[in-house]
Amino acid sequence: MTTREQQQEYLASIAQAYDVGDFDYLAPGDLRSLDALIAEAWQAFKQDGDVDTQIRKIEKAMGRE
């Protein structure tokens, strides 16, 4: 991810997928962790923080590393 627009689109996509249950294959604890990572990524986005690091954490939690 390089641009803010790409970051926003990615986070919106992941958040929507989470909301519709696309990650229900994860154990409950892992699902809660993913939810927290998504929230942290949005917070970083809003504060012009390091969103790419947060996205990598999300990818790792989903097993897409």
PDB file of N, CA and C in Angstrom:
ATOM      1  N   MET A   1       0.847  -1.173   0.000  1.00  0.00           N
ATOM      2  CA  MET A   1       0.000   0.000   0.000  1.00  0.00           C
ATOM      3  C   MET A   1       0.890   1.233   0.000  1.00  0.00           C
ATOM      4  N   THR A   2       0.561   2.148  -0.832  1.00  0.00           N
ATOM      5  CA  THR A   2       1.377   3.347  -0.856  1.00  0.00           C
ATOM      6  C   THR A   2       0.554   4.609  -0.676  1.00  0.00           C
ATOM      7  N   THR A   3      -0.588   4.677  -1.309  1.00  0.00           N
ATOM      8  CA  THR A   3      -1.357   5.912  -1.211  1.00  0.00           C
ATOM      9  C   THR A   3      -2.414   5.808  -0.123  1.00  0.00           C
ATOM     10  N   ARG A   4      -2.809   6.944   0.372  1.00  0.00           N
ATOM     11  CA  ARG A   4      -3.861   6.991   1.397  1.00  0.00           C
ATOM     12  C   ARG A   4      -5.157   6.388   0.845  1.00  0.00           C
ATOM     13  N   GLU A   5      -5.439   6.657  -0.408  1.00  0.00           N
ATOM     14  CA  GLU A   5      -6.658   6.124  -1.019  1.00  0.00           C
ATOM     15  C   GLU A   5      -6.636   4.596  -1.036  1.00  0.00           C
ATOM     16  N   GLN A   6      -5.491   4.008  -1.390  1.00  0.00           N
ATOM     17  CA  GLN A   6      -5.370   2.550  -1.401  1.00  0.00           C
ATOM     18  C   GLN A   6      -5.521   1.984   0.010  1.00  0.00           C
ATOM     19  N   GLN A   7      -4.915   2.656   0.970  1.00  0.00           N
ATOM     20  CA  GLN A   7      -5.020   2.211   2.357  1.00  0.00           C
ATOM     21  C   GLN A   7      -6.473   2.239   2.814  1.00  0.00           C
ATOM     22  N   GLN A   8      -7.163   3.328   2.502  1.00  0.00           N
ATOM     23  CA  GLN A   8      -8.558   3.463   2.903  1.00  0.00           C
ATOM     24  C   GLN A   8      -9.421   2.386   2.243  1.00  0.00           C
ATOM     25  N   GLU A   9      -9.205   2.147   0.972  1.00  0.00           N
ATOM     26  CA  GLU A   9      -9.975   1.123   0.261  1.00  0.00           C
ATOM     27  C   GLU A   9      -9.723  -0.261   0.853  1.00  0.00           C
ATOM     28  N   TYR A  10      -8.471  -0.550   1.165  1.00  0.00           N
ATOM     29  CA  TYR A  10      -8.132  -1.853   1.749  1.00  0.00           C
ATOM     30  C   TYR A  10      -8.801  -2.016   3.111  1.00  0.00           C
ATOM     31  N   LEU A  11      -8.672  -1.007   3.959  1.00  0.00           N
ATOM     32  CA  LEU A  11      -9.267  -1.094   5.295  1.00  0.00           C
ATOM     33  C   LEU A  11     -10.788  -1.217   5.220  1.00  0.00           C
ATOM     34  N   ALA A  12     -11.403  -0.485   4.312  1.00  0.00           N
ATOM     35  CA  ALA A  12     -12.853  -0.579   4.150  1.00  0.00           C
ATOM     36  C   ALA A  12     -13.250  -1.979   3.692  1.00  0.00           C
ATOM     37  N   SER A  13     -12.492  -2.547   2.785  1.00  0.00           N
ATOM     38  CA  SER A  13     -12.769  -3.891   2.283  1.00  0.00           C
ATOM     39  C   SER A  13     -12.644  -4.939   3.389  1.00  0.00           C
ATOM     40  N   ILE A  14     -11.571  -4.850   4.175  1.00  0.00           N
ATOM     41  CA  ILE A  14     -11.358  -5.802   5.268  1.00  0.00           C
ATOM     42  C   ILE A  14     -12.442  -5.646   6.330  1.00  0.00           C
ATOM     43  N   ALA A  15     -12.780  -4.411   6.658  1.00  0.00           N
ATOM     44  CA  ALA A  15     -13.816  -4.172   7.665  1.00  0.00           C
ATOM     45  C   ALA A  15     -15.159  -4.733   7.204  1.00  0.00           C
ATOM     46  N   GLN A  16     -15.482  -4.547   5.932  1.00  0.00           N
ATOM     47  CA  GLN A  16     -16.734  -5.076   5.399  1.00  0.00           C
ATOM     48  C   GLN A  16     -16.725  -6.604   5.423  1.00  0.00           C
ATOM     49  N   ALA A  17     -15.617  -7.198   5.033  1.00  0.00           N
ATOM     50  CA  ALA A  17     -15.505  -8.659   5.050  1.00  0.00           C
ATOM     51  C   ALA A  17     -15.668  -9.191   6.469  1.00  0.00           C
ATOM     52  N   TYR A  18     -15.100  -8.497   7.426  1.00  0.00           N
ATOM     53  CA  TYR A  18     -15.237  -8.893   8.831  1.00  0.00           C
ATOM     54  C   TYR A  18     -16.711  -8.824   9.248  1.00  0.00           C
ATOM     55  N   ASP A  19     -17.365  -7.722   8.878  1.00  0.00           N
ATOM     56  CA  ASP A  19     -18.767  -7.519   9.262  1.00  0.00           C
ATOM     57  C   ASP A  19     -19.701  -8.582   8.697  1.00  0.00           C
ATOM     58  N   VAL A  20     -19.423  -9.073   7.501  1.00  0.00           N
ATOM     59  CA  VAL A  20     -20.312 -10.066   6.891  1.00  0.00           C
ATOM     60  C   VAL A  20     -19.928 -11.501   7.245  1.00  0.00           C
ATOM     61  N   GLY A  21     -18.879 -11.661   8.053  1.00  0.00           N
ATOM     62  CA  GLY A  21     -18.540 -12.990   8.541  1.00  0.00           C
ATOM     63  C   GLY A  21     -17.561 -13.775   7.697  1.00  0.00           C
ATOM     64  N   ASP A  22     -16.832 -13.098   6.826  1.00  0.00           N
ATOM     65  CA  ASP A  22     -15.872 -13.804   5.973  1.00  0.00           C
ATOM     66  C   ASP A  22     -14.722 -14.444   6.748  1.00  0.00           C
ATOM     67  N   PHE A  23     -14.546 -14.048   7.986  1.00  0.00           N
ATOM     68  CA  PHE A  23     -13.438 -14.578   8.779  1.00  0.00           C
ATOM     69  C   PHE A  23     -13.915 -15.493   9.897  1.00  0.00           C
ATOM     70  N   ASP A  24     -15.115 -16.012   9.763  1.00  0.00           N
ATOM     71  CA  ASP A  24     -15.669 -16.890  10.795  1.00  0.00           C
ATOM     72  C   ASP A  24     -14.903 -18.203  10.934  1.00  0.00           C
ATOM     73  N   TYR A  25     -14.016 -18.487  10.007  1.00  0.00           N
ATOM     74  CA  TYR A  25     -13.192 -19.693  10.107  1.00  0.00           C
ATOM     75  C   TYR A  25     -12.131 -19.549  11.198  1.00  0.00           C
ATOM     76  N   LEU A  26     -11.886 -18.322  11.648  1.00  0.00           N
ATOM     77  CA  LEU A  26     -10.897 -18.093  12.702  1.00  0.00           C
ATOM     78  C   LEU A  26     -11.471 -18.477  14.063  1.00  0.00           C
ATOM     79  N   ALA A  27     -10.603 -18.887  14.956  1.00  0.00           N
ATOM     80  CA  ALA A  27     -11.012 -19.170  16.334  1.00  0.00           C
ATOM     81  C   ALA A  27     -11.511 -17.870  16.967  1.00  0.00           C
ATOM     82  N   PRO A  28     -12.417 -17.957  17.949  1.00  0.00           N
ATOM     83  CA  PRO A  28     -12.970 -16.740  18.565  1.00  0.00           C
ATOM     84  C   PRO A  28     -11.904 -15.747  19.045  1.00  0.00           C
ATOM     85  N   GLY A  29     -10.848 -16.235  19.661  1.00  0.00           N
ATOM     86  CA  GLY A  29      -9.790 -15.339  20.127  1.00  0.00           C
ATOM     87  C   GLY A  29      -9.075 -14.652  18.982  1.00  0.00           C
ATOM     88  N   ASP A  30      -8.846 -15.397  17.906  1.00  0.00           N
ATOM     89  CA  ASP A  30      -8.201 -14.827  16.723  1.00  0.00           C
ATOM     90  C   ASP A  30      -9.111 -13.806  16.045  1.00  0.00           C
ATOM     91  N   LEU A  31     -10.404 -14.082  16.071  1.00  0.00           N
ATOM     92  CA  LEU A  31     -11.374 -13.165  15.491  1.00  0.00           C
ATOM     93  C   LEU A  31     -11.391 -11.844  16.257  1.00  0.00           C
ATOM     94  N   ARG A  32     -11.351 -11.927  17.584  1.00  0.00           N
ATOM     95  CA  ARG A  32     -11.296 -10.712  18.406  1.00  0.00           C
ATOM     96  C   ARG A  32     -10.000  -9.944  18.145  1.00  0.00           C
ATOM     97  N   SER A  33      -8.906 -10.670  17.995  1.00  0.00           N
ATOM     98  CA  SER A  33      -7.620 -10.026  17.702  1.00  0.00           C
ATOM     99  C   SER A  33      -7.669  -9.308  16.356  1.00  0.00           C
ATOM    100  N   LEU A  34      -8.272  -9.953  15.371  1.00  0.00           N
ATOM    101  CA  LEU A  34      -8.403  -9.338  14.053  1.00  0.00           C
ATOM    102  C   LEU A  34      -9.244  -8.072  14.140  1.00  0.00           C
ATOM    103  N   ASP A  35     -10.332  -8.129  14.888  1.00  0.00           N
ATOM    104  CA  ASP A  35     -11.184  -6.958  15.082  1.00  0.00           C
ATOM    105  C   ASP A  35     -10.383  -5.808  15.691  1.00  0.00           C
ATOM    106  N   ALA A  36      -9.572  -6.121  16.689  1.00  0.00           N
ATOM    107  CA  ALA A  36      -8.746  -5.095  17.334  1.00  0.00           C
ATOM    108  C   ALA A  36      -7.720  -4.528  16.353  1.00  0.00           C
ATOM    109  N   LEU A  37      -7.132  -5.384  15.532  1.00  0.00           N
ATOM    110  CA  LEU A  37      -6.152  -4.918  14.547  1.00  0.00           C
ATOM    111  C   LEU A  37      -6.792  -3.994  13.512  1.00  0.00           C
ATOM    112  N   ILE A  38      -8.001  -4.321  13.100  1.00  0.00           N
ATOM    113  CA  ILE A  38      -8.718  -3.467  12.147  1.00  0.00           C
ATOM    114  C   ILE A  38      -8.984  -2.104  12.775  1.00  0.00           C
ATOM    115  N   ALA A  39      -9.416  -2.100  14.028  1.00  0.00           N
ATOM    116  CA  ALA A  39      -9.670  -0.836  14.730  1.00  0.00           C
ATOM    117  C   ALA A  39      -8.381  -0.022  14.870  1.00  0.00           C
ATOM    118  N   GLU A  40      -7.281  -0.682  15.200  1.00  0.00           N
ATOM    119  CA  GLU A  40      -5.990   0.006  15.322  1.00  0.00           C
ATOM    120  C   GLU A  40      -5.556   0.593  13.983  1.00  0.00           C
ATOM    121  N   ALA A  41      -5.803  -0.133  12.913  1.00  0.00           N
ATOM    122  CA  ALA A  41      -5.429   0.353  11.586  1.00  0.00           C
ATOM    123  C   ALA A  41      -6.237   1.594  11.217  1.00  0.00           C
ATOM    124  N   TRP A  42      -7.539   1.577  11.511  1.00  0.00           N
ATOM    125  CA  TRP A  42      -8.360   2.761  11.239  1.00  0.00           C
ATOM    126  C   TRP A  42      -7.888   3.943  12.076  1.00  0.00           C
ATOM    127  N   GLN A  43      -7.526   3.681  13.320  1.00  0.00           N
ATOM    128  CA  GLN A  43      -7.029   4.750  14.183  1.00  0.00           C
ATOM    129  C   GLN A  43      -5.743   5.338  13.604  1.00  0.00           C
ATOM    130  N   ALA A  44      -4.844   4.476  13.159  1.00  0.00           N
ATOM    131  CA  ALA A  44      -3.599   4.943  12.540  1.00  0.00           C
ATOM    132  C   ALA A  44      -3.904   5.758  11.285  1.00  0.00           C
ATOM    133  N   PHE A  45      -4.880   5.308  10.511  1.00  0.00           N
ATOM    134  CA  PHE A  45      -5.262   6.029   9.296  1.00  0.00           C
ATOM    135  C   PHE A  45      -5.763   7.428   9.642  1.00  0.00           C
ATOM    136  N   LYS A  46      -6.630   7.512  10.638  1.00  0.00           N
ATOM    137  CA  LYS A  46      -7.207   8.803  11.034  1.00  0.00           C
ATOM    138  C   LYS A  46      -6.153   9.755  11.583  1.00  0.00           C
ATOM    139  N   GLN A  47      -5.108   9.197  12.185  1.00  0.00           N
ATOM    140  CA  GLN A  47      -4.070  10.027  12.798  1.00  0.00           C
ATOM    141  C   GLN A  47      -2.838  10.172  11.901  1.00  0.00           C
ATOM    142  N   ASP A  48      -2.973   9.805  10.638  1.00  0.00           N
ATOM    143  CA  ASP A  48      -1.847   9.840   9.693  1.00  0.00           C
ATOM    144  C   ASP A  48      -0.652   9.053  10.212  1.00  0.00           C
ATOM    145  N   GLY A  49      -0.941   7.932  10.849  1.00  0.00           N
ATOM    146  CA  GLY A  49       0.109   7.068  11.390  1.00  0.00           C
ATOM    147  C   GLY A  49       0.603   6.064  10.366  1.00  0.00           C
ATOM    148  N   ASP A  50       1.318   5.073  10.845  1.00  0.00           N
ATOM    149  CA  ASP A  50       1.916   4.043   9.998  1.00  0.00           C
ATOM    150  C   ASP A  50       0.880   2.962   9.676  1.00  0.00           C
ATOM    151  N   VAL A  51       0.084   3.215   8.678  1.00  0.00           N
ATOM    152  CA  VAL A  51      -0.994   2.305   8.301  1.00  0.00           C
ATOM    153  C   VAL A  51      -0.441   1.027   7.676  1.00  0.00           C
ATOM    154  N   ASP A  52       0.639   1.137   6.932  1.00  0.00           N
ATOM    155  CA  ASP A  52       1.202  -0.044   6.273  1.00  0.00           C
ATOM    156  C   ASP A  52       1.608  -1.111   7.287  1.00  0.00           C
ATOM    157  N   THR A  53       2.174  -0.698   8.404  1.00  0.00           N
ATOM    158  CA  THR A  53       2.531  -1.661   9.452  1.00  0.00           C
ATOM    159  C   THR A  53       1.285  -2.331   9.996  1.00  0.00           C
ATOM    160  N   GLN A  54       0.229  -1.568  10.192  1.00  0.00           N
ATOM    161  CA  GLN A  54      -1.024  -2.126  10.693  1.00  0.00           C
ATOM    162  C   GLN A  54      -1.619  -3.109   9.684  1.00  0.00           C
ATOM    163  N   ILE A  55      -1.525  -2.779   8.414  1.00  0.00           N
ATOM    164  CA  ILE A  55      -2.045  -3.665   7.370  1.00  0.00           C
ATOM    165  C   ILE A  55      -1.263  -4.977   7.355  1.00  0.00           C
ATOM    166  N   ARG A  56       0.052  -4.897   7.519  1.00  0.00           N
ATOM    167  CA  ARG A  56       0.855  -6.127   7.576  1.00  0.00           C
ATOM    168  C   ARG A  56       0.437  -6.996   8.761  1.00  0.00           C
ATOM    169  N   LYS A  57       0.107  -6.382   9.881  1.00  0.00           N
ATOM    170  CA  LYS A  57      -0.355  -7.140  11.048  1.00  0.00           C
ATOM    171  C   LYS A  57      -1.684  -7.835  10.743  1.00  0.00           C
ATOM    172  N   ILE A  58      -2.564  -7.145  10.041  1.00  0.00           N
ATOM    173  CA  ILE A  58      -3.850  -7.732   9.646  1.00  0.00           C
ATOM    174  C   ILE A  58      -3.608  -8.916   8.713  1.00  0.00           C
ATOM    175  N   GLU A  59      -2.750  -8.728   7.727  1.00  0.00           N
ATOM    176  CA  GLU A  59      -2.431  -9.804   6.782  1.00  0.00           C
ATOM    177  C   GLU A  59      -1.879 -11.024   7.517  1.00  0.00           C
ATOM    178  N   LYS A  60      -1.011 -10.796   8.467  1.00  0.00           N
ATOM    179  CA  LYS A  60      -0.433 -11.896   9.238  1.00  0.00           C
ATOM    180  C   LYS A  60      -1.522 -12.618  10.031  1.00  0.00           C
ATOM    181  N   ALA A  61      -2.414 -11.871  10.647  1.00  0.00           N
ATOM    182  CA  ALA A  61      -3.497 -12.470  11.432  1.00  0.00           C
ATOM    183  C   ALA A  61      -4.426 -13.313  10.565  1.00  0.00           C
ATOM    184  N   MET A  62      -4.560 -12.932   9.303  1.00  0.00           N
ATOM    185  CA  MET A  62      -5.418 -13.675   8.382  1.00  0.00           C
ATOM    186  C   MET A  62      -4.667 -14.818   7.713  1.00  0.00           C
ATOM    187  N   GLY A  63      -3.385 -14.945   7.999  1.00  0.00           N
ATOM    188  CA  GLY A  63      -2.592 -16.006   7.392  1.00  0.00           C
ATOM    189  C   GLY A  63      -2.176 -15.722   5.972  1.00  0.00           C
ATOM    190  N   ARG A  64      -2.157 -14.464   5.589  1.00  0.00           N
ATOM    191  CA  ARG A  64      -1.806 -14.078   4.216  1.00  0.00           C
ATOM    192  C   ARG A  64      -0.400 -13.523   4.114  1.00  0.00           C
ATOM    193  N   GLU A  65       0.392 -13.779   5.065  1.00  0.00           N
ATOM    194  CA  GLU A  65       1.736 -13.224   5.118  1.00  0.00           C
ATOM    195  C   GLU A  65       2.625 -13.834   4.073  1.00  0.00           C
TER     196      GLU A  65
END
